[in-house]
């Protein structure tokens, strides 16, 4: 059963590359949201932006796990 997991990992690398790019976008959004929340703490939309950014930062790991779980052994 362990033989096919590395193959799934290699096949999932292009998806992980796209996810890393989205993760970098999430990091930029997170920094901007943090700056906005420091400048204007009454802005409630910054909380939603920060949650979106954190979910984008976790995306590469989620995509690799999802893809390797879909490979039948």
Protein backbone atom coordinates (compact mmCIF):
# COMPACT_ATOMS: atom_id res chain seq x y z
CA UNK A 1 0.00 0.00 0.00
CA UNK A 2 2.92 2.37 0.59
CA UNK A 3 4.21 2.03 -2.98
CA UNK A 4 1.56 4.17 -4.66
CA UNK A 5 1.62 7.13 -2.24
CA UNK A 6 4.89 8.62 -3.59
CA UNK A 7 3.44 8.39 -7.10
CA UNK A 8 0.36 10.29 -5.94
CA UNK A 9 2.63 12.87 -4.35
CA UNK A 10 4.51 13.40 -7.63
CA UNK A 11 1.32 13.65 -9.65
CA UNK A 12 -0.07 16.17 -7.17
CA UNK A 13 2.92 18.51 -7.41
CA UNK A 14 1.43 20.74 -10.17
CA UNK A 15 -1.66 21.24 -8.04
CA UNK A 16 0.55 22.03 -5.07
CA UNK A 17 2.43 24.63 -7.14
CA UNK A 18 -0.83 26.42 -7.92
CA UNK A 19 -1.76 26.17 -4.25
CA UNK A 20 1.57 27.69 -3.21
CA UNK A 21 0.91 30.65 -5.49
CA UNK A 22 -2.53 31.06 -3.88
CA UNK A 23 -0.84 30.74 -0.50
CA UNK A 24 1.48 33.63 -1.32
CA UNK A 25 -1.54 35.69 -2.34
CA UNK A 26 -3.10 34.74 1.00
CA UNK A 27 0.00 35.93 2.85
CA UNK A 28 -0.18 39.31 1.12
CA UNK A 29 -3.90 39.60 1.89
CA UNK A 30 -3.23 38.64 5.50
CA UNK A 31 -0.59 41.35 5.89
CA UNK A 32 -2.88 43.94 4.29
CA UNK A 33 -5.77 42.86 6.51
CA UNK A 34 -3.59 43.12 9.60
CA UNK A 35 -2.46 46.61 8.65
CA UNK A 36 -6.04 47.68 7.95
CA UNK A 37 -7.27 46.29 11.25
CA UNK A 38 -4.51 48.17 13.09
CA UNK A 39 -5.35 51.42 11.32
CA UNK A 40 -9.11 51.09 11.69
CA UNK A 41 -10.10 48.60 14.41
CA UNK A 42 -13.80 49.30 13.83
CA UNK A 43 -13.64 47.71 10.39
CA UNK A 44 -15.36 44.33 10.83
CA UNK A 45 -14.61 43.17 7.29
CA UNK A 46 -10.93 42.81 8.17
CA UNK A 47 -11.76 39.74 10.26
CA UNK A 48 -13.26 38.01 7.23
CA UNK A 49 -10.28 38.98 5.10
CA UNK A 50 -7.89 37.55 7.70
CA UNK A 51 -9.82 34.26 7.85
CA UNK A 52 -9.77 34.01 4.06
CA UNK A 53 -6.02 34.67 4.03
CA UNK A 54 -5.35 31.98 6.63
CA UNK A 55 -7.38 29.45 4.65
CA UNK A 56 -5.36 30.34 1.55
CA UNK A 57 -2.15 29.81 3.51
CA UNK A 58 -3.27 26.29 4.50
CA UNK A 59 -4.32 25.40 0.95
CA UNK A 60 -1.13 23.64 -0.31
CA UNK A 61 -1.21 21.04 2.47
CA UNK A 62 -4.93 20.44 2.00
CA UNK A 63 -4.54 19.94 -1.74
CA UNK A 64 -1.68 17.46 -1.39
CA UNK A 65 -3.54 15.45 1.26
CA UNK A 66 -6.74 15.42 -0.78
CA UNK A 67 -4.95 14.34 -3.96
CA UNK A 68 -2.93 11.54 -2.34
CA UNK A 69 -6.06 10.18 -0.64
CA UNK A 70 -7.78 9.89 -4.03
CA UNK A 71 -5.10 7.52 -5.39
CA UNK A 72 -6.37 3.94 -5.06
CA UNK A 73 -3.91 1.36 -3.78
